[in-house]
Amino acid sequence: MAQRLHCLLLFFLTISLLTITTVSRKVHYKYKSSPPSPSPSHSFLSSSDIDIIKSLCAYTDYPNLCVSTIESELPAPEPLHPATVLKLAMKAVRSKSYAAKAFAKALYHNATDKAIVGALKDCADLYDDVAYSLHNADEALRNHDKGMVGSELSSVCTDVDTCDEGFLEFKLPNPMKKYDDLLAKLAEICLVIAQAASLST
């Protein structure tokens, strides 16, 4: 009887060891064949490119937002220099203004309060004005018209602020506040970069 129990114990011990070894091999194979995905990086940027971005963003009140926003628009269609950095920042504002307009339109199509509908429609129009001003700023950059660059970027800041004022006038909560706050910061970043890089007056 004791011998039989001894044989059974050896049998179950052997099965357990085989199971552990098999699972261990499977886990090892899984991690060996599927390593963790590397975090995204902008390996195509040279150290001088990174320095240009960081040095210009350092002039702004939102350096971290500035750097992350510009990096999100990379790669650039041309060699990286101060004007390119400004264009990338402007591109981000344009993209956010399109998203803001789409959100405003979705809200006013479903709104019933006339004051809110009116304010949302005004904001949608102002987001169009933002895109138009950015287009003009692009043209001014190509023509080296520093005065026009500064004027058009200032208009972008004004348009974003005007959207918020439409709700304040009627003492209404601004459903566009999240978009407007971000757009206001990005528009200010564009203006500061343009001034820091002597691309505007």
N, C-alpha and C. Protein backbone atom coordinates (compact mmCIF):
# COMPACT_ATOMS: atom_id res chain seq x y z
N MET A 1 0.84 -1.22 0.00
CA MET A 1 0.00 0.00 0.00
C MET A 1 0.87 1.26 0.00
N ALA A 2 1.88 1.24 0.88
CA ALA A 2 2.78 2.40 0.96
C ALA A 2 3.51 2.60 -0.36
N GLN A 3 3.89 1.48 -0.98
CA GLN A 3 4.59 1.57 -2.27
C GLN A 3 3.68 2.16 -3.33
N ARG A 4 2.41 1.76 -3.27
CA ARG A 4 1.44 2.29 -4.26
C ARG A 4 1.25 3.80 -4.09
N LEU A 5 1.14 4.25 -2.84
CA LEU A 5 1.00 5.68 -2.58
C LEU A 5 2.24 6.44 -3.06
N HIS A 6 3.39 5.82 -2.81
CA HIS A 6 4.64 6.44 -3.24
C HIS A 6 4.68 6.61 -4.76
N CYS A 7 4.22 5.60 -5.50
CA CYS A 7 4.19 5.67 -6.97
C CYS A 7 3.22 6.75 -7.45
N LEU A 8 2.05 6.84 -6.76
CA LEU A 8 1.07 7.86 -7.15
C LEU A 8 1.62 9.27 -6.93
N LEU A 9 2.29 9.45 -5.80
CA LEU A 9 2.88 10.76 -5.52
C LEU A 9 3.92 11.14 -6.57
N LEU A 10 4.75 10.19 -6.94
CA LEU A 10 5.76 10.45 -7.97
C LEU A 10 5.10 10.79 -9.31
N PHE A 11 3.98 10.10 -9.60
CA PHE A 11 3.26 10.34 -10.86
C PHE A 11 2.72 11.77 -10.91
N PHE A 12 2.03 12.17 -9.82
CA PHE A 12 1.44 13.52 -9.80
C PHE A 12 2.52 14.60 -9.77
N LEU A 13 3.63 14.31 -9.10
CA LEU A 13 4.74 15.28 -9.07
C LEU A 13 5.32 15.48 -10.46
N THR A 14 5.46 14.38 -11.21
CA THR A 14 5.98 14.45 -12.59
C THR A 14 5.06 15.25 -13.49
N ILE A 15 3.73 14.98 -13.37
CA ILE A 15 2.74 15.72 -14.18
C ILE A 15 2.79 17.20 -13.86
N SER A 16 2.91 17.54 -12.58
CA SER A 16 2.96 18.95 -12.18
C SER A 16 4.17 19.66 -12.75
N LEU A 17 5.32 18.99 -12.70
CA LEU A 17 6.55 19.58 -13.23
C LEU A 17 6.46 19.80 -14.73
N LEU A 18 5.88 18.83 -15.44
CA LEU A 18 5.70 18.97 -16.90
C LEU A 18 4.79 20.13 -17.24
N THR A 19 3.70 20.28 -16.45
CA THR A 19 2.74 21.37 -16.70
C THR A 19 3.40 22.72 -16.49
N ILE A 20 4.14 22.85 -15.39
CA ILE A 20 4.82 24.12 -15.10
C ILE A 20 5.82 24.46 -16.19
N THR A 21 6.58 23.46 -16.66
CA THR A 21 7.58 23.68 -17.70
C THR A 21 6.93 24.14 -19.00
N THR A 22 5.79 23.51 -19.36
CA THR A 22 5.08 23.86 -20.60
C THR A 22 4.56 25.28 -20.56
N VAL A 23 3.92 25.64 -19.42
CA VAL A 23 3.39 27.01 -19.27
C VAL A 23 4.51 28.02 -19.32
N SER A 24 5.62 27.71 -18.64
CA SER A 24 6.76 28.62 -18.61
C SER A 24 7.30 28.87 -20.01
N ARG A 25 7.37 27.80 -20.82
CA ARG A 25 7.87 27.95 -22.19
C ARG A 25 6.93 28.80 -23.03
N LYS A 26 5.62 28.60 -22.82
CA LYS A 26 4.64 29.38 -23.58
C LYS A 26 4.72 30.86 -23.25
N VAL A 27 4.85 31.16 -21.95
CA VAL A 27 4.97 32.56 -21.53
C VAL A 27 6.23 33.17 -22.08
N HIS A 28 7.34 32.41 -21.99
CA HIS A 28 8.62 32.90 -22.52
C HIS A 28 8.52 33.16 -24.01
N TYR A 29 7.87 32.25 -24.74
CA TYR A 29 7.74 32.42 -26.19
C TYR A 29 6.89 33.64 -26.53
N LYS A 30 5.83 33.81 -25.73
CA LYS A 30 4.92 34.95 -25.97
C LYS A 30 5.67 36.27 -25.88
N TYR A 31 6.46 36.44 -24.82
CA TYR A 31 7.17 37.70 -24.65
C TYR A 31 8.36 37.82 -25.58
N LYS A 32 8.91 36.66 -25.95
CA LYS A 32 10.05 36.70 -26.88
C LYS A 32 9.60 37.07 -28.27
N SER A 33 8.45 36.53 -28.69
CA SER A 33 7.98 36.78 -30.05
C SER A 33 7.18 38.06 -30.18
N SER A 34 6.64 38.57 -29.04
CA SER A 34 5.83 39.79 -29.09
C SER A 34 6.31 40.79 -28.06
N PRO A 35 7.43 41.43 -28.32
CA PRO A 35 7.96 42.39 -27.35
C PRO A 35 7.03 43.59 -27.25
N PRO A 36 7.05 44.32 -26.14
CA PRO A 36 6.21 45.51 -26.00
C PRO A 36 6.50 46.50 -27.12
N SER A 37 5.43 47.13 -27.62
CA SER A 37 5.59 48.11 -28.69
C SER A 37 6.36 49.30 -28.17
N PRO A 38 7.34 49.74 -28.92
CA PRO A 38 8.11 50.91 -28.45
C PRO A 38 7.25 52.14 -28.48
N SER A 39 7.49 53.05 -27.54
CA SER A 39 6.71 54.29 -27.52
C SER A 39 7.09 55.12 -28.73
N PRO A 40 6.08 55.85 -29.30
CA PRO A 40 6.37 56.63 -30.49
C PRO A 40 7.41 57.69 -30.21
N SER A 41 8.30 57.92 -31.15
CA SER A 41 9.30 58.96 -30.98
C SER A 41 9.56 59.60 -32.33
N HIS A 42 10.04 60.81 -32.26
CA HIS A 42 10.33 61.53 -33.49
C HIS A 42 11.82 61.37 -33.79
N SER A 43 12.19 60.14 -34.17
CA SER A 43 13.60 59.83 -34.38
C SER A 43 14.17 60.57 -35.59
N PHE A 44 13.25 61.10 -36.43
CA PHE A 44 13.72 61.81 -37.62
C PHE A 44 14.15 63.24 -37.28
N LEU A 45 13.93 63.68 -36.03
CA LEU A 45 14.33 65.02 -35.63
C LEU A 45 15.78 65.02 -35.18
N SER A 46 16.52 65.99 -35.65
CA SER A 46 17.89 66.15 -35.18
C SER A 46 17.86 66.92 -33.86
N SER A 47 18.96 66.92 -33.16
CA SER A 47 19.03 67.65 -31.89
C SER A 47 18.82 69.14 -32.12
N SER A 48 19.29 69.63 -33.25
CA SER A 48 19.11 71.05 -33.55
C SER A 48 17.64 71.38 -33.82
N ASP A 49 16.91 70.43 -34.44
CA ASP A 49 15.48 70.63 -34.68
C ASP A 49 14.74 70.74 -33.35
N ILE A 50 15.07 69.82 -32.44
CA ILE A 50 14.43 69.83 -31.13
C ILE A 50 14.74 71.12 -30.38
N ASP A 51 15.98 71.58 -30.52
CA ASP A 51 16.39 72.83 -29.87
C ASP A 51 15.59 74.02 -30.41
N ILE A 52 15.34 74.03 -31.72
CA ILE A 52 14.58 75.12 -32.32
C ILE A 52 13.16 75.16 -31.74
N ILE A 53 12.53 73.99 -31.67
CA ILE A 53 11.16 73.92 -31.14
C ILE A 53 11.12 74.37 -29.68
N LYS A 54 12.01 73.81 -28.88
CA LYS A 54 11.99 74.12 -27.45
C LYS A 54 12.36 75.58 -27.17
N SER A 55 13.30 76.10 -27.93
CA SER A 55 13.72 77.49 -27.69
C SER A 55 12.61 78.47 -28.02
N LEU A 56 11.85 78.19 -29.08
CA LEU A 56 10.73 79.08 -29.42
C LEU A 56 9.57 78.91 -28.45
N CYS A 57 9.30 77.67 -28.08
CA CYS A 57 8.20 77.41 -27.14
C CYS A 57 8.49 78.00 -25.76
N ALA A 58 9.76 78.15 -25.44
CA ALA A 58 10.13 78.69 -24.13
C ALA A 58 9.65 80.14 -23.96
N TYR A 59 9.41 80.82 -25.05
CA TYR A 59 8.93 82.20 -24.97
C TYR A 59 7.44 82.26 -24.60
N THR A 60 6.73 81.19 -24.78
CA THR A 60 5.29 81.18 -24.55
C THR A 60 4.96 80.92 -23.08
N ASP A 61 3.69 81.15 -22.73
CA ASP A 61 3.23 80.86 -21.37
C ASP A 61 2.89 79.37 -21.20
N TYR A 62 2.89 78.64 -22.30
CA TYR A 62 2.52 77.23 -22.27
C TYR A 62 3.56 76.39 -23.02
N PRO A 63 4.81 76.35 -22.53
CA PRO A 63 5.88 75.67 -23.28
C PRO A 63 5.62 74.19 -23.53
N ASN A 64 5.07 73.49 -22.53
CA ASN A 64 4.82 72.05 -22.71
C ASN A 64 3.73 71.81 -23.76
N LEU A 65 2.66 72.57 -23.68
CA LEU A 65 1.60 72.46 -24.68
C LEU A 65 2.13 72.83 -26.06
N CYS A 66 2.96 73.84 -26.11
CA CYS A 66 3.56 74.28 -27.37
C CYS A 66 4.37 73.16 -28.02
N VAL A 67 5.26 72.56 -27.24
CA VAL A 67 6.13 71.50 -27.78
C VAL A 67 5.31 70.30 -28.23
N SER A 68 4.38 69.85 -27.38
CA SER A 68 3.59 68.66 -27.72
C SER A 68 2.70 68.91 -28.93
N THR A 69 2.19 70.13 -29.06
CA THR A 69 1.32 70.46 -30.20
C THR A 69 2.11 70.44 -31.50
N ILE A 70 3.27 71.05 -31.47
CA ILE A 70 4.10 71.10 -32.68
C ILE A 70 4.59 69.70 -33.06
N GLU A 71 4.99 68.92 -32.07
CA GLU A 71 5.46 67.56 -32.35
C GLU A 71 4.33 66.70 -32.93
N SER A 72 3.09 66.99 -32.53
CA SER A 72 1.96 66.20 -33.05
C SER A 72 1.70 66.47 -34.53
N GLU A 73 2.22 67.58 -35.02
CA GLU A 73 2.03 67.94 -36.43
C GLU A 73 3.21 67.51 -37.31
N LEU A 74 4.21 66.92 -36.71
CA LEU A 74 5.37 66.46 -37.48
C LEU A 74 5.04 65.16 -38.22
N PRO A 75 5.75 64.81 -39.27
CA PRO A 75 6.90 65.53 -39.83
C PRO A 75 6.47 66.75 -40.65
N ALA A 76 7.37 67.70 -40.74
CA ALA A 76 7.09 68.92 -41.49
C ALA A 76 7.36 68.70 -42.98
N PRO A 77 6.66 69.43 -43.84
CA PRO A 77 6.86 69.25 -45.28
C PRO A 77 8.12 69.93 -45.81
N GLU A 78 8.84 70.59 -44.92
CA GLU A 78 10.05 71.31 -45.32
C GLU A 78 11.04 71.29 -44.16
N PRO A 79 12.30 71.64 -44.40
CA PRO A 79 13.28 71.65 -43.31
C PRO A 79 12.80 72.50 -42.13
N LEU A 80 13.13 72.07 -40.94
CA LEU A 80 12.63 72.74 -39.74
C LEU A 80 13.45 74.00 -39.46
N HIS A 81 12.76 75.13 -39.46
CA HIS A 81 13.34 76.40 -39.06
C HIS A 81 12.21 77.19 -38.39
N PRO A 82 12.47 78.38 -37.84
CA PRO A 82 11.43 79.09 -37.10
C PRO A 82 10.11 79.26 -37.86
N ALA A 83 10.17 79.58 -39.14
CA ALA A 83 8.93 79.75 -39.91
C ALA A 83 8.16 78.44 -40.01
N THR A 84 8.88 77.33 -40.13
CA THR A 84 8.23 76.03 -40.19
C THR A 84 7.53 75.71 -38.87
N VAL A 85 8.20 76.02 -37.77
CA VAL A 85 7.61 75.79 -36.44
C VAL A 85 6.31 76.58 -36.32
N LEU A 86 6.33 77.82 -36.76
CA LEU A 86 5.12 78.64 -36.72
C LEU A 86 4.02 78.03 -37.58
N LYS A 87 4.38 77.57 -38.76
CA LYS A 87 3.37 76.96 -39.64
C LYS A 87 2.76 75.70 -39.02
N LEU A 88 3.56 74.93 -38.33
CA LEU A 88 3.05 73.72 -37.67
C LEU A 88 2.09 74.10 -36.55
N ALA A 89 2.42 75.15 -35.80
CA ALA A 89 1.53 75.62 -34.74
C ALA A 89 0.22 76.14 -35.33
N MET A 90 0.32 76.85 -36.45
CA MET A 90 -0.88 77.35 -37.13
C MET A 90 -1.73 76.21 -37.67
N LYS A 91 -1.07 75.18 -38.14
CA LYS A 91 -1.78 74.01 -38.64
C LYS A 91 -2.61 73.36 -37.54
N ALA A 92 -2.05 73.32 -36.35
CA ALA A 92 -2.76 72.75 -35.20
C ALA A 92 -3.98 73.59 -34.86
N VAL A 93 -3.85 74.91 -34.90
CA VAL A 93 -4.99 75.79 -34.63
C VAL A 93 -6.09 75.57 -35.67
N ARG A 94 -5.68 75.45 -36.92
CA ARG A 94 -6.65 75.24 -38.01
C ARG A 94 -7.42 73.93 -37.78
N SER A 95 -6.69 72.89 -37.44
CA SER A 95 -7.32 71.59 -37.20
C SER A 95 -8.31 71.65 -36.04
N LYS A 96 -7.91 72.32 -34.95
CA LYS A 96 -8.79 72.44 -33.78
C LYS A 96 -10.00 73.31 -34.09
N SER A 97 -9.83 74.30 -34.94
CA SER A 97 -10.97 75.17 -35.28
C SER A 97 -12.00 74.41 -36.11
N TYR A 98 -11.55 73.51 -36.98
CA TYR A 98 -12.47 72.67 -37.76
C TYR A 98 -13.28 71.76 -36.82
N ALA A 99 -12.59 71.18 -35.84
CA ALA A 99 -13.26 70.31 -34.88
C ALA A 99 -14.26 71.10 -34.04
N ALA A 100 -13.87 72.31 -33.66
CA ALA A 100 -14.76 73.16 -32.86
C ALA A 100 -16.01 73.54 -33.66
N LYS A 101 -15.83 73.85 -34.93
CA LYS A 101 -16.97 74.21 -35.77
C LYS A 101 -17.94 73.04 -35.91
N ALA A 102 -17.40 71.85 -36.12
CA ALA A 102 -18.26 70.67 -36.26
C ALA A 102 -19.04 70.42 -34.98
N PHE A 103 -18.40 70.64 -33.84
CA PHE A 103 -19.08 70.44 -32.56
C PHE A 103 -20.17 71.49 -32.36
N ALA A 104 -19.87 72.75 -32.70
CA ALA A 104 -20.85 73.84 -32.56
C ALA A 104 -22.08 73.57 -33.43
N LYS A 105 -21.84 73.11 -34.66
CA LYS A 105 -22.95 72.83 -35.57
C LYS A 105 -23.82 71.69 -35.04
N ALA A 106 -23.20 70.68 -34.49
CA ALA A 106 -23.96 69.55 -33.94
C ALA A 106 -24.83 70.01 -32.77
N LEU A 107 -24.29 70.95 -31.98
CA LEU A 107 -25.05 71.45 -30.82
C LEU A 107 -26.22 72.32 -31.25
N TYR A 108 -26.00 73.25 -32.19
CA TYR A 108 -27.12 74.15 -32.52
C TYR A 108 -28.21 73.48 -33.34
N HIS A 109 -27.88 72.38 -33.98
CA HIS A 109 -28.94 71.64 -34.69
C HIS A 109 -29.88 70.94 -33.71
N ASN A 110 -29.39 70.70 -32.50
CA ASN A 110 -30.21 70.02 -31.50
C ASN A 110 -30.71 70.95 -30.40
N ALA A 111 -30.27 72.20 -30.40
CA ALA A 111 -30.66 73.14 -29.35
C ALA A 111 -32.04 73.73 -29.64
N THR A 112 -32.72 74.13 -28.58
CA THR A 112 -34.06 74.73 -28.73
C THR A 112 -34.08 76.18 -28.26
N ASP A 113 -33.17 76.54 -27.37
CA ASP A 113 -33.10 77.92 -26.88
C ASP A 113 -32.53 78.83 -27.97
N LYS A 114 -33.28 79.86 -28.33
CA LYS A 114 -32.86 80.73 -29.44
C LYS A 114 -31.55 81.45 -29.15
N ALA A 115 -31.35 81.86 -27.91
CA ALA A 115 -30.12 82.57 -27.56
C ALA A 115 -28.91 81.66 -27.72
N ILE A 116 -29.06 80.42 -27.28
CA ILE A 116 -27.96 79.46 -27.40
C ILE A 116 -27.68 79.13 -28.86
N VAL A 117 -28.76 78.93 -29.63
CA VAL A 117 -28.61 78.65 -31.06
C VAL A 117 -27.86 79.79 -31.74
N GLY A 118 -28.27 81.03 -31.43
CA GLY A 118 -27.62 82.19 -32.03
C GLY A 118 -26.15 82.28 -31.67
N ALA A 119 -25.83 82.05 -30.39
CA ALA A 119 -24.44 82.13 -29.94
C ALA A 119 -23.59 81.03 -30.59
N LEU A 120 -24.16 79.84 -30.72
CA LEU A 120 -23.43 78.73 -31.34
C LEU A 120 -23.18 78.98 -32.82
N LYS A 121 -24.18 79.55 -33.50
CA LYS A 121 -23.99 79.86 -34.92
C LYS A 121 -22.92 80.93 -35.10
N ASP A 122 -22.91 81.90 -34.19
CA ASP A 122 -21.87 82.94 -34.25
C ASP A 122 -20.49 82.31 -34.06
N CYS A 123 -20.40 81.36 -33.13
CA CYS A 123 -19.11 80.69 -32.90
C CYS A 123 -18.67 79.92 -34.14
N ALA A 124 -19.61 79.22 -34.77
CA ALA A 124 -19.28 78.46 -35.98
C ALA A 124 -18.72 79.39 -37.06
N ASP A 125 -19.35 80.57 -37.20
CA ASP A 125 -18.86 81.56 -38.17
C ASP A 125 -17.47 82.07 -37.78
N LEU A 126 -17.27 82.27 -36.49
CA LEU A 126 -15.98 82.76 -36.02
C LEU A 126 -14.87 81.72 -36.24
N TYR A 127 -15.20 80.45 -36.12
CA TYR A 127 -14.21 79.41 -36.40
C TYR A 127 -13.83 79.42 -37.88
N ASP A 128 -14.78 79.76 -38.73
CA ASP A 128 -14.46 79.95 -40.16
C ASP A 128 -13.51 81.11 -40.33
N ASP A 129 -13.76 82.18 -39.56
CA ASP A 129 -12.89 83.36 -39.63
C ASP A 129 -11.47 83.00 -39.17
N VAL A 130 -11.37 82.12 -38.19
CA VAL A 130 -10.06 81.68 -37.71
C VAL A 130 -9.28 81.03 -38.85
N ALA A 131 -9.94 80.12 -39.56
CA ALA A 131 -9.29 79.42 -40.68
C ALA A 131 -8.89 80.42 -41.77
N TYR A 132 -9.76 81.40 -42.02
CA TYR A 132 -9.47 82.41 -43.05
C TYR A 132 -8.25 83.26 -42.64
N SER A 133 -8.20 83.66 -41.38
CA SER A 133 -7.08 84.47 -40.89
C SER A 133 -5.77 83.68 -40.96
N LEU A 134 -5.84 82.40 -40.66
CA LEU A 134 -4.64 81.56 -40.74
C LEU A 134 -4.16 81.42 -42.18
N HIS A 135 -5.11 81.33 -43.11
CA HIS A 135 -4.75 81.28 -44.53
C HIS A 135 -4.03 82.57 -44.92
N ASN A 136 -4.56 83.71 -44.47
CA ASN A 136 -3.92 84.99 -44.78
C ASN A 136 -2.54 85.10 -44.14
N ALA A 137 -2.41 84.56 -42.93
CA ALA A 137 -1.11 84.58 -42.26
C ALA A 137 -0.09 83.73 -43.02
N ASP A 138 -0.55 82.59 -43.57
CA ASP A 138 0.32 81.75 -44.40
C ASP A 138 0.83 82.52 -45.61
N GLU A 139 -0.10 83.22 -46.28
CA GLU A 139 0.27 84.01 -47.45
C GLU A 139 1.26 85.11 -47.07
N ALA A 140 1.01 85.74 -45.92
CA ALA A 140 1.89 86.82 -45.47
C ALA A 140 3.29 86.29 -45.15
N LEU A 141 3.36 85.09 -44.60
CA LEU A 141 4.68 84.48 -44.32
C LEU A 141 5.45 84.27 -45.62
N ARG A 142 4.75 83.78 -46.63
CA ARG A 142 5.41 83.54 -47.92
C ARG A 142 5.90 84.85 -48.54
N ASN A 143 5.16 85.91 -48.29
CA ASN A 143 5.51 87.21 -48.87
C ASN A 143 6.39 88.05 -47.94
N HIS A 144 6.77 87.46 -46.80
CA HIS A 144 7.61 88.14 -45.81
C HIS A 144 6.99 89.46 -45.35
N ASP A 145 5.66 89.45 -45.23
CA ASP A 145 4.93 90.62 -44.77
C ASP A 145 4.70 90.49 -43.26
N LYS A 146 5.65 90.98 -42.49
CA LYS A 146 5.61 90.80 -41.04
C LYS A 146 4.41 91.48 -40.39
N GLY A 147 4.05 92.64 -40.91
CA GLY A 147 2.92 93.36 -40.36
C GLY A 147 1.62 92.57 -40.53
N MET A 148 1.45 91.97 -41.70
CA MET A 148 0.24 91.20 -41.97
C MET A 148 0.21 89.91 -41.14
N VAL A 149 1.36 89.28 -40.96
CA VAL A 149 1.42 88.07 -40.13
C VAL A 149 0.91 88.37 -38.72
N GLY A 150 1.42 89.44 -38.13
CA GLY A 150 1.01 89.82 -36.78
C GLY A 150 -0.46 90.17 -36.71
N SER A 151 -0.94 90.89 -37.71
CA SER A 151 -2.35 91.31 -37.74
C SER A 151 -3.29 90.12 -37.83
N GLU A 152 -2.98 89.18 -38.71
CA GLU A 152 -3.86 88.03 -38.91
C GLU A 152 -3.85 87.09 -37.70
N LEU A 153 -2.69 86.92 -37.09
CA LEU A 153 -2.63 86.06 -35.90
C LEU A 153 -3.35 86.71 -34.71
N SER A 154 -3.29 88.03 -34.64
CA SER A 154 -4.05 88.74 -33.60
C SER A 154 -5.55 88.57 -33.83
N SER A 155 -5.95 88.55 -35.10
CA SER A 155 -7.36 88.34 -35.43
C SER A 155 -7.85 86.97 -34.96
N VAL A 156 -6.97 85.97 -35.06
CA VAL A 156 -7.33 84.63 -34.59
C VAL A 156 -7.63 84.66 -33.09
N CYS A 157 -6.79 85.32 -32.34
CA CYS A 157 -7.01 85.45 -30.89
C CYS A 157 -8.34 86.15 -30.60
N THR A 158 -8.61 87.22 -31.35
CA THR A 158 -9.85 87.99 -31.15
C THR A 158 -11.08 87.15 -31.47
N ASP A 159 -11.02 86.40 -32.56
CA ASP A 159 -12.17 85.57 -32.97
C ASP A 159 -12.53 84.55 -31.89
N VAL A 160 -11.53 83.93 -31.31
CA VAL A 160 -11.77 82.92 -30.27
C VAL A 160 -12.40 83.58 -29.04
N ASP A 161 -11.87 84.73 -28.65
CA ASP A 161 -12.42 85.44 -27.49
C ASP A 161 -13.86 85.88 -27.74
N THR A 162 -14.17 86.28 -28.98
CA THR A 162 -15.51 86.76 -29.32
C THR A 162 -16.55 85.66 -29.17
N CYS A 163 -16.17 84.43 -29.47
CA CYS A 163 -17.09 83.31 -29.30
C CYS A 163 -17.54 83.22 -27.86
N ASP A 164 -16.61 83.30 -26.95
CA ASP A 164 -16.92 83.20 -25.52
C ASP A 164 -17.79 84.37 -25.08
N GLU A 165 -17.53 85.56 -25.61
CA GLU A 165 -18.28 86.75 -25.22
C GLU A 165 -19.76 86.64 -25.59
N GLY A 166 -20.06 85.89 -26.67
CA GLY A 166 -21.45 85.72 -27.08
C GLY A 166 -22.29 85.04 -26.01
N PHE A 167 -21.68 84.15 -25.27
CA PHE A 167 -22.39 83.45 -24.18
C PHE A 167 -22.43 84.31 -22.92
N LEU A 168 -21.34 85.04 -22.67
CA LEU A 168 -21.30 85.90 -21.49
C LEU A 168 -22.36 86.99 -21.58
N GLU A 169 -22.60 87.48 -22.78
CA GLU A 169 -23.58 88.56 -22.99
C GLU A 169 -24.97 88.15 -22.49
N PHE A 170 -25.34 86.89 -22.73
CA PHE A 170 -26.66 86.40 -22.32
C PHE A 170 -26.60 85.60 -21.01
N LYS A 171 -25.42 85.64 -20.36
CA LYS A 171 -25.23 84.92 -19.10
C LYS A 171 -25.56 83.43 -19.26
N LEU A 172 -25.06 82.88 -20.34
CA LEU A 172 -25.29 81.47 -20.64
C LEU A 172 -24.00 80.67 -20.43
N PRO A 173 -24.10 79.41 -20.01
CA PRO A 173 -22.89 78.57 -19.96
C PRO A 173 -22.39 78.32 -21.37
N ASN A 174 -21.09 78.36 -21.53
CA ASN A 174 -20.50 78.19 -22.86
C ASN A 174 -20.15 76.73 -23.11
N PRO A 175 -20.92 76.03 -23.94
CA PRO A 175 -20.60 74.63 -24.22
C PRO A 175 -19.34 74.46 -25.07
N MET A 176 -18.84 75.58 -25.61
CA MET A 176 -17.64 75.56 -26.44
C MET A 176 -16.38 75.90 -25.63
N LYS A 177 -16.54 76.05 -24.33
CA LYS A 177 -15.44 76.55 -23.50
C LYS A 177 -14.17 75.71 -23.63
N LYS A 178 -14.33 74.39 -23.62
CA LYS A 178 -13.16 73.51 -23.72
C LYS A 178 -12.40 73.78 -25.02
N TYR A 179 -13.14 73.92 -26.12
CA TYR A 179 -12.50 74.21 -27.41
C TYR A 179 -11.89 75.61 -27.40
N ASP A 180 -12.67 76.58 -26.87
CA ASP A 180 -12.20 77.97 -26.89
C ASP A 180 -10.95 78.16 -26.05
N ASP A 181 -10.91 77.50 -24.88
CA ASP A 181 -9.73 77.64 -24.01
C ASP A 181 -8.47 77.12 -24.71
N LEU A 182 -8.60 75.96 -25.35
CA LEU A 182 -7.45 75.39 -26.06
C LEU A 182 -7.07 76.25 -27.26
N LEU A 183 -8.06 76.68 -28.03
CA LEU A 183 -7.78 77.52 -29.20
C LEU A 183 -7.13 78.83 -28.79
N ALA A 184 -7.58 79.41 -27.68
CA ALA A 184 -7.01 80.67 -27.21
C ALA A 184 -5.53 80.50 -26.87
N LYS A 185 -5.20 79.40 -26.21
CA LYS A 185 -3.79 79.13 -25.86
C LYS A 185 -2.95 78.90 -27.11
N LEU A 186 -3.49 78.11 -28.05
CA LEU A 186 -2.73 77.81 -29.27
C LEU A 186 -2.56 79.06 -30.13
N ALA A 187 -3.60 79.89 -30.18
CA ALA A 187 -3.50 81.13 -30.96
C ALA A 187 -2.45 82.06 -30.36
N GLU A 188 -2.42 82.11 -29.03
CA GLU A 188 -1.41 82.94 -28.35
C GLU A 188 -0.01 82.39 -28.62
N ILE A 189 0.11 81.07 -28.62
CA ILE A 189 1.41 80.43 -28.91
C ILE A 189 1.89 80.85 -30.30
N CYS A 190 0.99 80.83 -31.27
CA CYS A 190 1.36 81.24 -32.64
C CYS A 190 1.86 82.67 -32.66
N LEU A 191 1.14 83.54 -31.99
CA LEU A 191 1.50 84.96 -31.98
C LEU A 191 2.86 85.17 -31.32
N VAL A 192 3.11 84.50 -30.21
CA VAL A 192 4.38 84.65 -29.50
C VAL A 192 5.54 84.09 -30.32
N ILE A 193 5.33 82.93 -30.95
CA ILE A 193 6.40 82.34 -31.78
C ILE A 193 6.75 83.29 -32.92
N ALA A 194 5.72 83.85 -33.55
CA ALA A 194 5.95 84.77 -34.67
C ALA A 194 6.78 85.97 -34.22
N GLN A 195 6.47 86.49 -33.04
CA GLN A 195 7.21 87.65 -32.52
C GLN A 195 8.61 87.26 -32.09
N ALA A 196 8.74 86.11 -31.43
CA ALA A 196 10.07 85.67 -30.95
C ALA A 196 11.01 85.38 -32.11
N ALA A 197 10.45 84.88 -33.22
CA ALA A 197 11.28 84.54 -34.38
C ALA A 197 11.40 85.71 -35.37
N SER A 198 10.92 86.88 -34.95
CA SER A 198 10.96 88.08 -35.81
C SER A 198 10.26 87.85 -37.15
N LEU A 199 9.15 87.11 -37.09
CA LEU A 199 8.37 86.84 -38.29
C LEU A 199 7.15 87.76 -38.37
N SER A 200 6.96 88.54 -37.31
CA SER A 200 5.84 89.49 -37.30
C SER A 200 6.24 90.75 -36.56
N THR A 201 5.46 91.78 -36.73
CA THR A 201 5.70 93.03 -36.00
C THR A 201 4.46 93.39 -35.22
